[in-house]
Amino acid sequence: MLLPLAGGWRVPQGTSLIFKTKAEDFKERPARSPVRELTPEARAREHYVDALKRGFRAYCTASRMYSLASRFGAPASSRDIGRYSGPFIADAWADFVQDNPGLELAKSEERAVKNTGSLGFEIFCRVATSLQQDTEPAR
């Protein structure tokens, strides 16, 4: 530690003065370059994938989830979503691909289309709640 002193700096007794420099690997990086503009073809492809997303979400319905519940049994709690989500998306995707022949997507685009966000969870919770209410004994 350097202590200010009139006319200069002094180092307290019993301490050593160490100067460090950063290695080149850890130097500050320049700011990121601005986001590049999409080409018209890339922008059109992005709009196409967005339209497919909206179309695929129409295949994610409560009736499809009820069908899975009849196959796997009624879910006991919201923790059972893992058992239902994979087959739910796979079943919806199979129908979607069958109804859209000639669909060619890159893996990343396919993942983007299949990503329904919270829609699948909301449908699962509605169906699970409905099935639990149906199976509760009357009081």
N, C-alpha and C. Protein backbone atom coordinates (compact mmCIF):
# COMPACT_ATOMS: atom_id res chain seq x y z
N MET A 1 0.84 -1.16 0.00
CA MET A 1 0.00 0.00 0.00
C MET A 1 0.90 1.23 0.00
N LEU A 2 0.61 2.18 -0.86
CA LEU A 2 1.35 3.42 -0.93
C LEU A 2 0.62 4.47 -0.11
N LEU A 3 1.34 5.19 0.65
CA LEU A 3 0.75 6.25 1.45
C LEU A 3 1.19 7.60 0.89
N PRO A 4 0.24 8.54 0.76
CA PRO A 4 0.63 9.85 0.24
C PRO A 4 1.51 10.59 1.25
N LEU A 5 2.46 11.29 0.74
CA LEU A 5 3.38 12.05 1.58
C LEU A 5 3.69 13.34 0.83
N ALA A 6 3.84 14.41 1.56
CA ALA A 6 4.16 15.68 0.90
C ALA A 6 5.43 15.51 0.08
N GLY A 7 5.33 15.79 -1.17
CA GLY A 7 6.51 15.71 -2.03
C GLY A 7 6.72 14.33 -2.62
N GLY A 8 5.82 13.38 -2.45
CA GLY A 8 5.99 12.05 -3.05
C GLY A 8 5.18 10.99 -2.33
N TRP A 9 5.57 9.76 -2.53
CA TRP A 9 4.87 8.62 -1.90
C TRP A 9 5.87 7.85 -1.07
N ARG A 10 5.40 7.26 0.03
CA ARG A 10 6.30 6.42 0.82
C ARG A 10 5.66 5.07 1.04
N VAL A 11 6.48 4.06 1.16
CA VAL A 11 6.04 2.69 1.41
C VAL A 11 6.26 2.42 2.89
N PRO A 12 5.20 1.95 3.60
CA PRO A 12 5.39 1.66 5.03
C PRO A 12 6.47 0.60 5.22
N GLN A 13 7.13 0.64 6.36
CA GLN A 13 8.20 -0.31 6.64
C GLN A 13 7.65 -1.73 6.72
N GLY A 14 8.36 -2.70 6.24
CA GLY A 14 7.98 -4.10 6.32
C GLY A 14 7.06 -4.55 5.19
N THR A 15 6.77 -3.67 4.25
CA THR A 15 5.93 -4.09 3.12
C THR A 15 6.75 -4.02 1.85
N SER A 16 6.35 -4.80 0.91
CA SER A 16 7.07 -4.76 -0.35
C SER A 16 6.15 -4.16 -1.41
N LEU A 17 6.74 -3.59 -2.36
CA LEU A 17 6.01 -2.94 -3.44
C LEU A 17 6.01 -3.86 -4.65
N ILE A 18 4.80 -4.24 -5.11
CA ILE A 18 4.68 -5.15 -6.24
C ILE A 18 3.86 -4.47 -7.32
N PHE A 19 4.38 -4.47 -8.53
CA PHE A 19 3.66 -3.93 -9.68
C PHE A 19 3.22 -5.10 -10.54
N LYS A 20 1.94 -5.10 -10.94
CA LYS A 20 1.43 -6.19 -11.76
C LYS A 20 0.92 -5.63 -13.08
N THR A 21 1.01 -6.46 -14.10
CA THR A 21 0.42 -6.11 -15.39
C THR A 21 -0.49 -7.26 -15.82
N LYS A 22 -1.51 -6.93 -16.57
CA LYS A 22 -2.42 -7.96 -17.05
C LYS A 22 -1.80 -8.69 -18.23
N ALA A 23 -2.03 -10.00 -18.24
CA ALA A 23 -1.58 -10.79 -19.39
C ALA A 23 -2.46 -10.40 -20.59
N GLU A 24 -1.96 -10.59 -21.76
CA GLU A 24 -2.69 -10.24 -22.98
C GLU A 24 -4.06 -10.93 -23.05
N ASP A 25 -4.13 -12.17 -22.54
CA ASP A 25 -5.39 -12.92 -22.59
C ASP A 25 -6.49 -12.25 -21.78
N PHE A 26 -6.12 -11.47 -20.77
CA PHE A 26 -7.11 -10.89 -19.87
C PHE A 26 -7.28 -9.38 -20.03
N LYS A 27 -6.73 -8.84 -21.10
CA LYS A 27 -6.90 -7.41 -21.35
C LYS A 27 -8.35 -7.11 -21.65
N GLU A 28 -8.73 -5.88 -21.46
CA GLU A 28 -10.11 -5.47 -21.75
C GLU A 28 -10.37 -5.61 -23.23
N ARG A 29 -11.52 -6.17 -23.54
CA ARG A 29 -11.89 -6.36 -24.94
C ARG A 29 -12.63 -5.12 -25.43
N PRO A 30 -12.49 -4.83 -26.70
CA PRO A 30 -13.25 -3.69 -27.24
C PRO A 30 -14.74 -4.01 -27.22
N ALA A 31 -15.54 -2.99 -27.26
CA ALA A 31 -17.00 -3.17 -27.26
C ALA A 31 -17.40 -4.01 -28.47
N ARG A 32 -18.50 -4.75 -28.28
CA ARG A 32 -18.97 -5.60 -29.37
C ARG A 32 -19.39 -4.75 -30.56
N SER A 33 -19.23 -5.36 -31.71
CA SER A 33 -19.65 -4.64 -32.91
C SER A 33 -21.17 -4.58 -32.94
N PRO A 34 -21.72 -3.60 -33.58
CA PRO A 34 -23.18 -3.50 -33.62
C PRO A 34 -23.80 -4.72 -34.31
N VAL A 35 -25.05 -4.97 -34.01
CA VAL A 35 -25.76 -6.10 -34.60
C VAL A 35 -25.79 -5.93 -36.12
N ARG A 36 -25.44 -7.00 -36.80
CA ARG A 36 -25.43 -6.87 -38.25
C ARG A 36 -26.84 -6.95 -38.80
N GLU A 37 -27.01 -6.29 -39.88
CA GLU A 37 -28.31 -6.26 -40.54
C GLU A 37 -28.55 -7.60 -41.24
N LEU A 38 -29.77 -8.07 -41.19
CA LEU A 38 -30.13 -9.30 -41.87
C LEU A 38 -30.33 -9.03 -43.36
N THR A 39 -29.93 -9.99 -44.14
CA THR A 39 -30.17 -9.87 -45.58
C THR A 39 -31.66 -10.08 -45.82
N PRO A 40 -32.17 -9.64 -46.94
CA PRO A 40 -33.60 -9.85 -47.23
C PRO A 40 -34.00 -11.33 -47.20
N GLU A 41 -33.09 -12.22 -47.64
CA GLU A 41 -33.39 -13.65 -47.63
C GLU A 41 -33.49 -14.16 -46.19
N ALA A 42 -32.55 -13.72 -45.34
CA ALA A 42 -32.57 -14.15 -43.94
C ALA A 42 -33.79 -13.61 -43.21
N ARG A 43 -34.17 -12.38 -43.51
CA ARG A 43 -35.36 -11.79 -42.90
C ARG A 43 -36.62 -12.55 -43.33
N ALA A 44 -36.69 -12.92 -44.61
CA ALA A 44 -37.83 -13.68 -45.12
C ALA A 44 -37.89 -15.06 -44.45
N ARG A 45 -36.71 -15.68 -44.27
CA ARG A 45 -36.66 -17.00 -43.60
C ARG A 45 -37.12 -16.87 -42.15
N GLU A 46 -36.73 -15.80 -41.49
CA GLU A 46 -37.14 -15.56 -40.11
C GLU A 46 -38.66 -15.40 -40.00
N HIS A 47 -39.25 -14.68 -40.94
CA HIS A 47 -40.71 -14.52 -40.95
C HIS A 47 -41.40 -15.86 -41.22
N TYR A 48 -40.81 -16.66 -42.10
CA TYR A 48 -41.35 -17.99 -42.41
C TYR A 48 -41.35 -18.87 -41.16
N VAL A 49 -40.24 -18.87 -40.43
CA VAL A 49 -40.14 -19.68 -39.20
C VAL A 49 -41.14 -19.17 -38.16
N ASP A 50 -41.30 -17.85 -38.05
CA ASP A 50 -42.29 -17.31 -37.11
C ASP A 50 -43.70 -17.75 -37.48
N ALA A 51 -44.02 -17.77 -38.75
CA ALA A 51 -45.34 -18.24 -39.19
C ALA A 51 -45.53 -19.72 -38.86
N LEU A 52 -44.47 -20.52 -39.03
CA LEU A 52 -44.54 -21.93 -38.67
C LEU A 52 -44.74 -22.11 -37.17
N LYS A 53 -44.08 -21.26 -36.39
CA LYS A 53 -44.26 -21.31 -34.93
C LYS A 53 -45.72 -21.11 -34.56
N ARG A 54 -46.32 -20.09 -35.13
CA ARG A 54 -47.73 -19.82 -34.83
C ARG A 54 -48.61 -20.98 -35.27
N GLY A 55 -48.29 -21.56 -36.42
CA GLY A 55 -49.05 -22.71 -36.91
C GLY A 55 -48.89 -23.92 -36.01
N PHE A 56 -47.67 -24.15 -35.53
CA PHE A 56 -47.43 -25.31 -34.66
C PHE A 56 -48.15 -25.16 -33.33
N ARG A 57 -48.21 -23.94 -32.81
CA ARG A 57 -48.89 -23.73 -31.53
C ARG A 57 -50.36 -24.12 -31.62
N ALA A 58 -50.94 -24.05 -32.81
CA ALA A 58 -52.34 -24.44 -32.98
C ALA A 58 -52.52 -25.95 -32.82
N TYR A 59 -51.45 -26.72 -32.99
CA TYR A 59 -51.51 -28.16 -32.82
C TYR A 59 -51.38 -28.57 -31.34
N CYS A 60 -50.95 -27.66 -30.50
CA CYS A 60 -50.77 -27.94 -29.07
C CYS A 60 -52.08 -27.61 -28.36
N THR A 61 -52.93 -28.62 -28.23
CA THR A 61 -54.27 -28.41 -27.70
C THR A 61 -54.51 -29.25 -26.45
N ALA A 62 -55.55 -28.89 -25.73
CA ALA A 62 -55.92 -29.63 -24.52
C ALA A 62 -56.37 -31.04 -24.89
N SER A 63 -57.04 -31.19 -26.01
CA SER A 63 -57.51 -32.54 -26.39
C SER A 63 -56.33 -33.48 -26.62
N ARG A 64 -55.23 -32.96 -27.13
CA ARG A 64 -54.03 -33.78 -27.32
C ARG A 64 -53.47 -34.19 -25.96
N MET A 65 -53.52 -33.28 -25.00
CA MET A 65 -53.03 -33.59 -23.65
C MET A 65 -53.96 -34.60 -22.96
N TYR A 66 -55.27 -34.47 -23.17
CA TYR A 66 -56.21 -35.45 -22.62
C TYR A 66 -55.93 -36.84 -23.20
N SER A 67 -55.59 -36.88 -24.48
CA SER A 67 -55.26 -38.14 -25.12
C SER A 67 -54.04 -38.78 -24.44
N LEU A 68 -53.03 -37.97 -24.15
CA LEU A 68 -51.85 -38.49 -23.45
C LEU A 68 -52.20 -38.94 -22.04
N ALA A 69 -53.10 -38.21 -21.39
CA ALA A 69 -53.51 -38.59 -20.02
C ALA A 69 -54.24 -39.93 -20.04
N SER A 70 -55.00 -40.19 -21.09
CA SER A 70 -55.67 -41.49 -21.16
C SER A 70 -54.66 -42.61 -21.43
N ARG A 71 -53.56 -42.27 -22.10
CA ARG A 71 -52.53 -43.27 -22.40
C ARG A 71 -51.63 -43.53 -21.18
N PHE A 72 -51.22 -42.44 -20.49
CA PHE A 72 -50.28 -42.56 -19.37
C PHE A 72 -50.94 -42.55 -18.00
N GLY A 73 -52.20 -42.21 -17.94
CA GLY A 73 -52.87 -42.07 -16.65
C GLY A 73 -52.87 -40.61 -16.24
N ALA A 74 -53.77 -40.27 -15.35
CA ALA A 74 -53.89 -38.88 -14.90
C ALA A 74 -52.65 -38.47 -14.12
N PRO A 75 -52.13 -37.27 -14.37
CA PRO A 75 -50.95 -36.81 -13.63
C PRO A 75 -51.31 -36.55 -12.17
N ALA A 76 -50.40 -36.91 -11.28
CA ALA A 76 -50.64 -36.71 -9.85
C ALA A 76 -50.35 -35.27 -9.44
N SER A 77 -49.36 -34.64 -10.08
CA SER A 77 -49.02 -33.26 -9.75
C SER A 77 -48.33 -32.61 -10.94
N SER A 78 -48.00 -31.34 -10.79
CA SER A 78 -47.33 -30.63 -11.89
C SER A 78 -45.92 -31.15 -12.13
N ARG A 79 -45.38 -31.93 -11.21
CA ARG A 79 -44.04 -32.51 -11.40
C ARG A 79 -44.04 -33.60 -12.47
N ASP A 80 -45.22 -34.09 -12.81
CA ASP A 80 -45.32 -35.14 -13.83
C ASP A 80 -45.21 -34.60 -15.25
N ILE A 81 -45.00 -33.32 -15.40
CA ILE A 81 -44.95 -32.73 -16.75
C ILE A 81 -43.84 -33.34 -17.60
N GLY A 82 -42.76 -33.76 -16.99
CA GLY A 82 -41.67 -34.37 -17.74
C GLY A 82 -42.09 -35.62 -18.49
N ARG A 83 -43.02 -36.36 -17.91
CA ARG A 83 -43.50 -37.58 -18.54
C ARG A 83 -44.42 -37.27 -19.71
N TYR A 84 -45.04 -36.09 -19.70
CA TYR A 84 -46.02 -35.72 -20.71
C TYR A 84 -45.47 -34.80 -21.80
N SER A 85 -44.52 -33.94 -21.46
CA SER A 85 -44.10 -32.90 -22.40
C SER A 85 -43.45 -33.46 -23.67
N GLY A 86 -42.58 -34.45 -23.54
CA GLY A 86 -41.92 -35.02 -24.72
C GLY A 86 -42.91 -35.64 -25.69
N PRO A 87 -43.75 -36.58 -25.21
CA PRO A 87 -44.74 -37.17 -26.11
C PRO A 87 -45.75 -36.15 -26.65
N PHE A 88 -46.07 -35.14 -25.86
CA PHE A 88 -47.01 -34.10 -26.29
C PHE A 88 -46.46 -33.36 -27.50
N ILE A 89 -45.21 -32.90 -27.42
CA ILE A 89 -44.58 -32.17 -28.52
C ILE A 89 -44.35 -33.10 -29.71
N ALA A 90 -43.92 -34.35 -29.44
CA ALA A 90 -43.66 -35.30 -30.53
C ALA A 90 -44.94 -35.61 -31.30
N ASP A 91 -46.04 -35.79 -30.59
CA ASP A 91 -47.32 -36.09 -31.23
C ASP A 91 -47.79 -34.90 -32.07
N ALA A 92 -47.68 -33.71 -31.50
CA ALA A 92 -48.08 -32.50 -32.24
C ALA A 92 -47.18 -32.31 -33.45
N TRP A 93 -45.89 -32.55 -33.31
CA TRP A 93 -44.95 -32.38 -34.42
C TRP A 93 -45.24 -33.37 -35.54
N ALA A 94 -45.55 -34.61 -35.18
CA ALA A 94 -45.85 -35.62 -36.21
C ALA A 94 -47.05 -35.18 -37.04
N ASP A 95 -48.09 -34.69 -36.39
CA ASP A 95 -49.26 -34.21 -37.13
C ASP A 95 -48.94 -32.97 -37.96
N PHE A 96 -48.13 -32.09 -37.40
CA PHE A 96 -47.76 -30.86 -38.10
C PHE A 96 -46.98 -31.17 -39.37
N VAL A 97 -46.03 -32.08 -39.28
CA VAL A 97 -45.21 -32.46 -40.44
C VAL A 97 -46.07 -33.18 -41.47
N GLN A 98 -47.00 -34.00 -41.01
CA GLN A 98 -47.89 -34.72 -41.93
C GLN A 98 -48.78 -33.74 -42.69
N ASP A 99 -49.22 -32.68 -42.02
CA ASP A 99 -50.08 -31.69 -42.67
C ASP A 99 -49.31 -30.67 -43.50
N ASN A 100 -48.00 -30.63 -43.35
CA ASN A 100 -47.15 -29.70 -44.11
C ASN A 100 -46.08 -30.48 -44.85
N PRO A 101 -46.43 -31.20 -45.91
CA PRO A 101 -45.43 -31.99 -46.63
C PRO A 101 -44.38 -31.08 -47.28
N GLY A 102 -43.18 -31.61 -47.37
CA GLY A 102 -42.09 -30.85 -47.98
C GLY A 102 -41.48 -29.84 -47.04
N LEU A 103 -41.76 -29.94 -45.77
CA LEU A 103 -41.22 -29.01 -44.78
C LEU A 103 -39.75 -29.33 -44.55
N GLU A 104 -38.88 -28.38 -44.85
CA GLU A 104 -37.45 -28.58 -44.65
C GLU A 104 -36.91 -27.46 -43.77
N LEU A 105 -36.48 -27.84 -42.59
CA LEU A 105 -35.96 -26.87 -41.63
C LEU A 105 -34.60 -27.33 -41.12
N ALA A 106 -33.76 -26.37 -40.79
CA ALA A 106 -32.51 -26.67 -40.11
C ALA A 106 -32.86 -27.08 -38.68
N LYS A 107 -31.95 -27.77 -38.01
CA LYS A 107 -32.20 -28.22 -36.63
C LYS A 107 -32.56 -27.04 -35.72
N SER A 108 -31.85 -25.93 -35.87
CA SER A 108 -32.12 -24.77 -35.01
C SER A 108 -33.50 -24.20 -35.29
N GLU A 109 -33.90 -24.21 -36.55
CA GLU A 109 -35.24 -23.71 -36.91
C GLU A 109 -36.32 -24.65 -36.39
N GLU A 110 -36.05 -25.96 -36.48
CA GLU A 110 -37.02 -26.94 -35.95
C GLU A 110 -37.19 -26.76 -34.45
N ARG A 111 -36.08 -26.56 -33.73
CA ARG A 111 -36.16 -26.32 -32.28
C ARG A 111 -36.95 -25.06 -31.99
N ALA A 112 -36.74 -24.02 -32.80
CA ALA A 112 -37.45 -22.76 -32.60
C ALA A 112 -38.95 -22.94 -32.81
N VAL A 113 -39.32 -23.72 -33.80
CA VAL A 113 -40.75 -23.96 -34.07
C VAL A 113 -41.37 -24.78 -32.96
N LYS A 114 -40.65 -25.80 -32.47
CA LYS A 114 -41.17 -26.66 -31.41
C LYS A 114 -41.22 -25.97 -30.05
N ASN A 115 -40.48 -24.89 -29.88
CA ASN A 115 -40.46 -24.20 -28.59
C ASN A 115 -41.77 -23.45 -28.41
N THR A 116 -42.65 -24.01 -27.62
CA THR A 116 -43.97 -23.40 -27.42
C THR A 116 -44.00 -22.51 -26.19
N GLY A 117 -42.87 -22.36 -25.54
CA GLY A 117 -42.83 -21.51 -24.35
C GLY A 117 -43.66 -22.12 -23.24
N SER A 118 -44.47 -21.32 -22.61
CA SER A 118 -45.25 -21.78 -21.47
C SER A 118 -46.58 -22.41 -21.89
N LEU A 119 -46.88 -22.41 -23.18
CA LEU A 119 -48.17 -22.93 -23.64
C LEU A 119 -48.38 -24.38 -23.23
N GLY A 120 -47.39 -25.24 -23.43
CA GLY A 120 -47.50 -26.65 -23.06
C GLY A 120 -47.73 -26.82 -21.58
N PHE A 121 -47.03 -26.03 -20.77
CA PHE A 121 -47.19 -26.12 -19.31
C PHE A 121 -48.58 -25.66 -18.90
N GLU A 122 -49.07 -24.59 -19.50
CA GLU A 122 -50.42 -24.10 -19.17
C GLU A 122 -51.48 -25.14 -19.52
N ILE A 123 -51.36 -25.75 -20.68
CA ILE A 123 -52.31 -26.79 -21.08
C ILE A 123 -52.23 -27.97 -20.13
N PHE A 124 -51.00 -28.37 -19.79
CA PHE A 124 -50.81 -29.49 -18.87
C PHE A 124 -51.48 -29.20 -17.52
N CYS A 125 -51.26 -28.01 -16.98
CA CYS A 125 -51.85 -27.66 -15.68
C CYS A 125 -53.37 -27.65 -15.74
N ARG A 126 -53.94 -27.11 -16.83
CA ARG A 126 -55.40 -27.11 -16.98
C ARG A 126 -55.95 -28.53 -17.01
N VAL A 127 -55.32 -29.38 -17.81
CA VAL A 127 -55.79 -30.76 -17.94
C VAL A 127 -55.60 -31.52 -16.62
N ALA A 128 -54.45 -31.34 -15.98
CA ALA A 128 -54.19 -32.03 -14.71
C ALA A 128 -55.20 -31.61 -13.65
N THR A 129 -55.49 -30.32 -13.56
CA THR A 129 -56.47 -29.83 -12.60
C THR A 129 -57.85 -30.39 -12.90
N SER A 130 -58.21 -30.40 -14.16
CA SER A 130 -59.51 -30.93 -14.57
C SER A 130 -59.63 -32.41 -14.23
N LEU A 131 -58.58 -33.18 -14.51
CA LEU A 131 -58.62 -34.61 -14.23
C LEU A 131 -58.64 -34.89 -12.73
N GLN A 132 -57.93 -34.08 -11.94
CA GLN A 132 -57.93 -34.26 -10.49
C GLN A 132 -59.31 -33.96 -9.91
N GLN A 133 -59.97 -32.95 -10.44
CA GLN A 133 -61.31 -32.62 -9.95
C GLN A 133 -62.30 -33.71 -10.33
N ASP A 134 -62.12 -34.32 -11.49
CA ASP A 134 -63.02 -35.39 -11.93
C ASP A 134 -62.86 -36.66 -11.10
N THR A 135 -61.63 -36.90 -10.60
CA THR A 135 -61.39 -38.14 -9.87
C THR A 135 -61.58 -38.01 -8.37
N GLU A 136 -61.73 -36.78 -7.86
CA GLU A 136 -61.94 -36.60 -6.41
C GLU A 136 -63.31 -37.14 -6.04
N PRO A 137 -63.39 -37.86 -4.93
CA PRO A 137 -64.69 -38.37 -4.51
C PRO A 137 -65.59 -37.25 -4.03
N ALA A 138 -66.89 -37.40 -4.27
CA ALA A 138 -67.86 -36.38 -3.84
C ALA A 138 -68.02 -36.45 -2.35
N ARG A 139 -68.18 -35.31 -1.74
CA ARG A 139 -68.32 -35.26 -0.26
C ARG A 139 -69.75 -35.07 0.13
